[in-house]
Amino acid sequence: MKKLVTASVLTLGLGMWGCSGTNSNGSTNSPVAPTPVASNGVVTINVVAINGAQSFSPNPATLPAGQMVVWHNVNNTTHRVVLNDGSLDTGDLAPGASSQPMALGAASAPYHCSIHPEMIGSVNQDTPASPSGPSY
């Protein structure tokens, strides 16, 4: 089952990367959509290429509040993802490797590859809705 989930996430990530592009004025045509959550409750962000803001898929990633995230290297080069504030470090991710599931401490977390600093991304956590009740 784990291989099926990994293959599905990989296929989705590569499909999103292959379908992204730019129009004649240089802006991207990628729609912003919620990041899919795998059946095990962990969101996977694929490391796809050394290509600036298009190095990770999805980018930006949106997670439910408190959701765990995994970075999976589908590229043929070793990468190391770190949050810009230094609070998270995946360690070196060889081609085909994944990080351990990690919890983010902040609602918004920009990150980069410390080996290839031009690779940038961001993760945004949805904030839990506050309970609504009658106001007196």
N, C-alpha and C. Protein backbone atom coordinates (compact mmCIF):
# COMPACT_ATOMS: atom_id res chain seq x y z
N MET A 1 0.82 -1.19 0.00
CA MET A 1 0.00 0.00 0.00
C MET A 1 0.87 1.26 0.00
N LYS A 2 1.98 1.22 0.77
CA LYS A 2 2.87 2.38 0.84
C LYS A 2 3.45 2.71 -0.53
N LYS A 3 3.80 1.65 -1.29
CA LYS A 3 4.35 1.87 -2.63
C LYS A 3 3.31 2.52 -3.53
N LEU A 4 2.03 2.10 -3.39
CA LEU A 4 0.96 2.66 -4.20
C LEU A 4 0.78 4.14 -3.89
N VAL A 5 0.78 4.49 -2.59
CA VAL A 5 0.63 5.88 -2.19
C VAL A 5 1.80 6.70 -2.71
N THR A 6 3.03 6.17 -2.54
CA THR A 6 4.21 6.89 -3.01
C THR A 6 4.17 7.07 -4.52
N ALA A 7 3.79 6.02 -5.25
CA ALA A 7 3.72 6.12 -6.70
C ALA A 7 2.66 7.12 -7.12
N SER A 8 1.51 7.14 -6.41
CA SER A 8 0.45 8.09 -6.74
C SER A 8 0.89 9.52 -6.52
N VAL A 9 1.54 9.77 -5.37
CA VAL A 9 2.01 11.12 -5.07
C VAL A 9 3.08 11.53 -6.07
N LEU A 10 3.98 10.61 -6.42
CA LEU A 10 5.03 10.90 -7.39
C LEU A 10 4.42 11.25 -8.75
N THR A 11 3.47 10.45 -9.19
CA THR A 11 2.82 10.69 -10.48
C THR A 11 2.12 12.04 -10.48
N LEU A 12 1.38 12.35 -9.40
CA LEU A 12 0.70 13.63 -9.30
C LEU A 12 1.70 14.78 -9.33
N GLY A 13 2.78 14.64 -8.56
CA GLY A 13 3.79 15.71 -8.51
C GLY A 13 4.45 15.95 -9.85
N LEU A 14 4.82 14.87 -10.54
CA LEU A 14 5.46 15.03 -11.85
C LEU A 14 4.48 15.59 -12.86
N GLY A 15 3.22 15.17 -12.76
CA GLY A 15 2.21 15.71 -13.68
C GLY A 15 2.01 17.20 -13.48
N MET A 16 1.98 17.63 -12.22
CA MET A 16 1.83 19.06 -11.95
C MET A 16 3.04 19.83 -12.45
N TRP A 17 4.24 19.26 -12.26
CA TRP A 17 5.46 19.93 -12.71
C TRP A 17 5.48 20.03 -14.23
N GLY A 18 5.11 18.94 -14.92
CA GLY A 18 5.14 18.93 -16.38
C GLY A 18 4.10 19.83 -17.00
N CYS A 19 3.00 20.08 -16.29
CA CYS A 19 1.93 20.90 -16.84
C CYS A 19 2.09 22.38 -16.52
N SER A 20 3.01 22.70 -15.64
CA SER A 20 3.18 24.12 -15.32
C SER A 20 3.93 24.79 -16.45
N GLY A 21 3.78 26.08 -16.53
CA GLY A 21 4.47 26.78 -17.60
C GLY A 21 4.35 28.28 -17.43
N THR A 22 4.78 28.98 -18.44
CA THR A 22 4.68 30.42 -18.41
C THR A 22 3.98 30.88 -19.67
N ASN A 23 3.34 32.03 -19.55
CA ASN A 23 2.71 32.58 -20.74
C ASN A 23 3.63 33.59 -21.38
N SER A 24 3.16 34.31 -22.37
CA SER A 24 4.03 35.19 -23.14
C SER A 24 4.64 36.32 -22.33
N ASN A 25 4.00 36.68 -21.19
CA ASN A 25 4.59 37.76 -20.40
C ASN A 25 5.45 37.22 -19.26
N GLY A 26 5.67 35.89 -19.21
CA GLY A 26 6.59 35.32 -18.25
C GLY A 26 5.97 34.89 -16.95
N SER A 27 4.66 35.15 -16.73
CA SER A 27 4.05 34.72 -15.48
C SER A 27 3.60 33.28 -15.59
N THR A 28 3.54 32.62 -14.44
CA THR A 28 3.16 31.22 -14.46
C THR A 28 1.66 31.07 -14.57
N ASN A 29 1.24 29.95 -15.13
CA ASN A 29 -0.18 29.65 -15.29
C ASN A 29 -0.63 28.59 -14.30
N SER A 30 0.14 28.33 -13.25
CA SER A 30 -0.19 27.28 -12.31
C SER A 30 -1.27 27.75 -11.35
N PRO A 31 -2.40 27.01 -11.29
CA PRO A 31 -3.44 27.39 -10.33
C PRO A 31 -2.99 27.02 -8.93
N VAL A 32 -3.51 27.73 -7.93
CA VAL A 32 -3.21 27.42 -6.55
C VAL A 32 -4.34 26.55 -6.03
N ALA A 33 -4.01 25.37 -5.55
CA ALA A 33 -5.00 24.44 -5.03
C ALA A 33 -4.48 23.83 -3.75
N PRO A 34 -5.38 23.33 -2.90
CA PRO A 34 -4.92 22.68 -1.68
C PRO A 34 -4.01 21.50 -2.03
N THR A 35 -3.03 21.28 -1.19
CA THR A 35 -2.09 20.18 -1.39
C THR A 35 -2.78 18.88 -0.99
N PRO A 36 -2.68 17.84 -1.84
CA PRO A 36 -3.33 16.57 -1.49
C PRO A 36 -2.69 15.94 -0.26
N VAL A 37 -3.52 15.35 0.58
CA VAL A 37 -3.06 14.65 1.78
C VAL A 37 -3.13 13.16 1.50
N ALA A 38 -2.02 12.45 1.71
CA ALA A 38 -1.97 11.01 1.49
C ALA A 38 -2.85 10.29 2.51
N SER A 39 -3.18 9.04 2.23
CA SER A 39 -4.05 8.27 3.10
C SER A 39 -3.47 8.11 4.51
N ASN A 40 -2.16 8.21 4.66
CA ASN A 40 -1.55 8.11 5.99
C ASN A 40 -1.53 9.44 6.72
N GLY A 41 -2.15 10.48 6.16
CA GLY A 41 -2.25 11.76 6.82
C GLY A 41 -1.01 12.63 6.70
N VAL A 42 -0.08 12.27 5.84
CA VAL A 42 1.15 13.03 5.67
C VAL A 42 1.14 13.66 4.28
N VAL A 43 1.47 14.94 4.21
CA VAL A 43 1.56 15.63 2.93
C VAL A 43 2.98 15.47 2.39
N THR A 44 3.10 15.11 1.10
CA THR A 44 4.40 14.96 0.47
C THR A 44 4.65 16.10 -0.49
N ILE A 45 5.82 16.72 -0.36
CA ILE A 45 6.28 17.73 -1.30
C ILE A 45 7.44 17.12 -2.07
N ASN A 46 7.32 17.07 -3.38
CA ASN A 46 8.36 16.49 -4.21
C ASN A 46 9.44 17.52 -4.55
N VAL A 47 10.69 17.09 -4.47
CA VAL A 47 11.83 17.88 -4.93
C VAL A 47 12.04 17.44 -6.37
N VAL A 48 11.73 18.33 -7.34
CA VAL A 48 11.68 17.89 -8.74
C VAL A 48 12.84 18.36 -9.61
N ALA A 49 13.46 19.49 -9.30
CA ALA A 49 14.52 20.01 -10.17
C ALA A 49 15.19 21.20 -9.50
N ILE A 50 16.33 21.59 -10.03
CA ILE A 50 16.98 22.83 -9.60
C ILE A 50 16.46 23.91 -10.53
N ASN A 51 15.37 24.56 -10.11
CA ASN A 51 14.65 25.47 -11.00
C ASN A 51 13.94 26.56 -10.21
N GLY A 52 14.65 27.24 -9.32
CA GLY A 52 14.07 28.37 -8.60
C GLY A 52 12.81 27.99 -7.84
N ALA A 53 11.74 28.79 -7.99
CA ALA A 53 10.49 28.54 -7.28
C ALA A 53 9.73 27.35 -7.84
N GLN A 54 10.17 26.80 -8.97
CA GLN A 54 9.51 25.61 -9.52
C GLN A 54 10.31 24.35 -9.22
N SER A 55 11.15 24.40 -8.18
CA SER A 55 11.98 23.27 -7.79
C SER A 55 11.21 22.24 -6.97
N PHE A 56 10.09 22.66 -6.39
CA PHE A 56 9.31 21.80 -5.51
C PHE A 56 7.87 21.73 -6.02
N SER A 57 7.22 20.60 -5.80
CA SER A 57 5.84 20.44 -6.24
C SER A 57 5.05 19.71 -5.16
N PRO A 58 3.99 20.33 -4.70
CA PRO A 58 3.47 21.64 -5.07
C PRO A 58 4.25 22.75 -4.38
N ASN A 59 4.16 23.93 -4.94
CA ASN A 59 4.78 25.11 -4.37
C ASN A 59 3.96 26.33 -4.76
N PRO A 60 3.39 27.02 -3.80
CA PRO A 60 3.42 26.74 -2.38
C PRO A 60 2.53 25.54 -2.04
N ALA A 61 2.81 24.91 -0.92
CA ALA A 61 1.99 23.81 -0.42
C ALA A 61 1.12 24.34 0.71
N THR A 62 -0.13 23.92 0.74
CA THR A 62 -1.04 24.31 1.80
C THR A 62 -1.43 23.07 2.58
N LEU A 63 -1.21 23.11 3.89
CA LEU A 63 -1.47 21.96 4.75
C LEU A 63 -2.57 22.29 5.74
N PRO A 64 -3.37 21.29 6.12
CA PRO A 64 -4.27 21.50 7.25
C PRO A 64 -3.44 21.80 8.50
N ALA A 65 -3.99 22.55 9.43
CA ALA A 65 -3.27 22.91 10.65
C ALA A 65 -2.77 21.66 11.36
N GLY A 66 -1.52 21.66 11.77
CA GLY A 66 -0.93 20.55 12.50
C GLY A 66 -0.52 19.36 11.65
N GLN A 67 -0.66 19.45 10.34
CA GLN A 67 -0.35 18.34 9.43
C GLN A 67 1.14 18.11 9.35
N MET A 68 1.54 16.85 9.21
CA MET A 68 2.94 16.48 9.02
C MET A 68 3.29 16.60 7.54
N VAL A 69 4.55 16.87 7.24
CA VAL A 69 5.01 17.01 5.85
C VAL A 69 6.26 16.16 5.64
N VAL A 70 6.39 15.61 4.42
CA VAL A 70 7.55 14.83 4.01
C VAL A 70 8.04 15.42 2.70
N TRP A 71 9.35 15.58 2.56
CA TRP A 71 9.94 15.96 1.28
C TRP A 71 10.47 14.70 0.62
N HIS A 72 10.13 14.49 -0.65
CA HIS A 72 10.56 13.30 -1.40
C HIS A 72 11.37 13.75 -2.61
N ASN A 73 12.59 13.27 -2.73
CA ASN A 73 13.49 13.69 -3.81
C ASN A 73 13.26 12.81 -5.04
N VAL A 74 12.58 13.36 -6.06
CA VAL A 74 12.37 12.64 -7.32
C VAL A 74 13.38 13.09 -8.37
N ASN A 75 14.32 13.93 -7.97
CA ASN A 75 15.37 14.43 -8.85
C ASN A 75 16.56 13.46 -8.80
N ASN A 76 17.50 13.61 -9.72
CA ASN A 76 18.66 12.71 -9.76
C ASN A 76 19.88 13.30 -9.05
N THR A 77 19.66 14.30 -8.21
CA THR A 77 20.72 14.98 -7.47
C THR A 77 20.36 15.02 -5.99
N THR A 78 21.33 14.93 -5.11
CA THR A 78 21.09 15.03 -3.67
C THR A 78 20.68 16.45 -3.30
N HIS A 79 19.70 16.57 -2.42
CA HIS A 79 19.21 17.86 -1.94
C HIS A 79 19.09 17.81 -0.42
N ARG A 80 18.99 18.99 0.19
CA ARG A 80 18.81 19.11 1.64
C ARG A 80 17.88 20.29 1.89
N VAL A 81 16.67 19.99 2.33
CA VAL A 81 15.65 21.03 2.54
C VAL A 81 15.75 21.55 3.97
N VAL A 82 15.81 22.87 4.10
CA VAL A 82 15.83 23.52 5.41
C VAL A 82 14.85 24.69 5.40
N LEU A 83 14.18 24.90 6.54
CA LEU A 83 13.36 26.10 6.67
C LEU A 83 14.29 27.29 6.77
N ASN A 84 13.88 28.41 6.24
CA ASN A 84 14.72 29.61 6.24
C ASN A 84 15.12 30.03 7.66
N ASP A 85 14.25 29.76 8.65
CA ASP A 85 14.58 30.15 10.02
C ASP A 85 15.47 29.11 10.72
N GLY A 86 15.82 28.02 10.03
CA GLY A 86 16.70 27.00 10.58
C GLY A 86 16.03 26.02 11.52
N SER A 87 14.72 26.11 11.70
CA SER A 87 14.04 25.25 12.68
C SER A 87 13.79 23.83 12.18
N LEU A 88 14.01 23.56 10.90
CA LEU A 88 13.80 22.22 10.35
C LEU A 88 14.87 21.95 9.31
N ASP A 89 15.39 20.73 9.31
CA ASP A 89 16.43 20.32 8.36
C ASP A 89 16.19 18.85 8.04
N THR A 90 15.98 18.54 6.75
CA THR A 90 15.71 17.16 6.36
C THR A 90 16.95 16.28 6.38
N GLY A 91 18.13 16.87 6.42
CA GLY A 91 19.34 16.11 6.18
C GLY A 91 19.44 15.87 4.68
N ASP A 92 20.53 15.28 4.23
CA ASP A 92 20.71 15.03 2.80
C ASP A 92 19.67 14.02 2.31
N LEU A 93 19.02 14.34 1.19
CA LEU A 93 18.05 13.45 0.55
C LEU A 93 18.65 12.99 -0.77
N ALA A 94 19.12 11.77 -0.80
CA ALA A 94 19.66 11.19 -2.03
C ALA A 94 18.50 11.00 -3.03
N PRO A 95 18.81 10.84 -4.32
CA PRO A 95 17.75 10.58 -5.29
C PRO A 95 16.87 9.41 -4.85
N GLY A 96 15.55 9.63 -4.85
CA GLY A 96 14.60 8.61 -4.46
C GLY A 96 14.29 8.56 -2.97
N ALA A 97 15.04 9.30 -2.15
CA ALA A 97 14.85 9.26 -0.70
C ALA A 97 13.78 10.25 -0.25
N SER A 98 13.22 9.98 0.92
CA SER A 98 12.24 10.86 1.56
C SER A 98 12.71 11.23 2.96
N SER A 99 12.30 12.40 3.41
CA SER A 99 12.58 12.80 4.78
C SER A 99 11.63 12.05 5.72
N GLN A 100 11.92 12.12 6.99
CA GLN A 100 10.98 11.63 7.99
C GLN A 100 9.79 12.59 8.03
N PRO A 101 8.61 12.14 8.43
CA PRO A 101 7.49 13.10 8.61
C PRO A 101 7.89 14.15 9.63
N MET A 102 7.62 15.40 9.30
CA MET A 102 8.04 16.52 10.14
C MET A 102 6.87 17.46 10.39
N ALA A 103 6.81 17.99 11.61
CA ALA A 103 5.79 18.97 11.96
C ALA A 103 6.39 20.36 11.81
N LEU A 104 5.61 21.27 11.27
CA LEU A 104 6.05 22.66 11.14
C LEU A 104 5.59 23.43 12.36
N GLY A 105 6.42 24.32 12.83
CA GLY A 105 6.07 25.11 13.99
C GLY A 105 5.31 26.37 13.66
N ALA A 106 5.44 26.87 12.45
CA ALA A 106 4.86 28.16 12.07
C ALA A 106 3.71 27.96 11.08
N ALA A 107 2.83 28.95 11.00
CA ALA A 107 1.72 28.89 10.06
C ALA A 107 2.21 29.04 8.62
N SER A 108 3.30 29.76 8.44
CA SER A 108 3.88 29.96 7.11
C SER A 108 5.38 29.70 7.23
N ALA A 109 5.90 28.88 6.32
CA ALA A 109 7.30 28.50 6.45
C ALA A 109 7.99 28.49 5.09
N PRO A 110 8.75 29.55 4.78
CA PRO A 110 9.57 29.51 3.56
C PRO A 110 10.76 28.57 3.78
N TYR A 111 11.16 27.88 2.71
CA TYR A 111 12.28 26.95 2.81
C TYR A 111 13.11 26.99 1.54
N HIS A 112 14.26 26.30 1.58
CA HIS A 112 15.16 26.24 0.42
C HIS A 112 16.02 25.00 0.52
N CYS A 113 16.73 24.70 -0.54
CA CYS A 113 17.72 23.61 -0.51
C CYS A 113 19.05 24.24 -0.10
N SER A 114 19.64 23.73 0.97
CA SER A 114 20.89 24.34 1.43
C SER A 114 22.07 24.02 0.51
N ILE A 115 21.94 22.98 -0.32
CA ILE A 115 22.98 22.63 -1.28
C ILE A 115 22.85 23.50 -2.53
N HIS A 116 21.61 23.80 -2.91
CA HIS A 116 21.30 24.62 -4.10
C HIS A 116 20.38 25.76 -3.66
N PRO A 117 20.91 26.84 -3.08
CA PRO A 117 20.10 27.89 -2.47
C PRO A 117 19.10 28.57 -3.41
N GLU A 118 19.28 28.41 -4.71
CA GLU A 118 18.32 29.01 -5.64
C GLU A 118 16.99 28.24 -5.65
N MET A 119 16.96 27.05 -5.07
CA MET A 119 15.73 26.26 -4.97
C MET A 119 14.95 26.76 -3.76
N ILE A 120 13.78 27.35 -4.00
CA ILE A 120 12.99 27.94 -2.92
C ILE A 120 11.55 27.44 -2.96
N GLY A 121 10.94 27.43 -1.78
CA GLY A 121 9.55 27.02 -1.68
C GLY A 121 8.93 27.56 -0.42
N SER A 122 7.63 27.30 -0.25
CA SER A 122 6.96 27.71 0.98
C SER A 122 5.82 26.74 1.30
N VAL A 123 5.59 26.61 2.58
CA VAL A 123 4.50 25.79 3.10
C VAL A 123 3.64 26.70 3.95
N ASN A 124 2.34 26.63 3.74
CA ASN A 124 1.39 27.43 4.51
C ASN A 124 0.41 26.49 5.18
N GLN A 125 0.21 26.66 6.47
CA GLN A 125 -0.76 25.85 7.19
C GLN A 125 -2.05 26.63 7.33
N ASP A 126 -3.16 25.95 7.03
CA ASP A 126 -4.46 26.55 7.29
C ASP A 126 -4.59 26.74 8.79
N THR A 127 -5.19 27.83 9.18
CA THR A 127 -5.43 28.04 10.60
C THR A 127 -6.78 27.41 10.94
N PRO A 128 -6.87 26.76 12.08
CA PRO A 128 -8.15 26.14 12.44
C PRO A 128 -9.22 27.21 12.59
N ALA A 129 -10.40 26.87 12.11
CA ALA A 129 -11.52 27.82 12.23
C ALA A 129 -11.88 27.96 13.68
N SER A 130 -12.14 29.20 14.09
CA SER A 130 -12.54 29.42 15.46
C SER A 130 -14.02 29.04 15.59
N PRO A 131 -14.38 28.43 16.68
CA PRO A 131 -15.77 28.02 16.84
C PRO A 131 -16.68 29.24 16.84
N SER A 132 -17.75 29.11 16.10
CA SER A 132 -18.70 30.23 16.07
C SER A 132 -19.87 29.88 16.96
N GLY A 133 -20.28 30.81 17.68
CA GLY A 133 -21.41 30.61 18.57
C GLY A 133 -22.16 31.91 18.70
N PRO A 134 -23.19 31.89 19.46
CA PRO A 134 -23.96 33.14 19.60
C PRO A 134 -23.14 34.19 20.35
N SER A 135 -23.28 35.40 19.92
CA SER A 135 -22.62 36.50 20.61
C SER A 135 -23.67 37.23 21.45
N TYR A 136 -23.28 37.53 22.66
CA TYR A 136 -24.23 38.18 23.58
C TYR A 136 -23.81 39.56 23.88
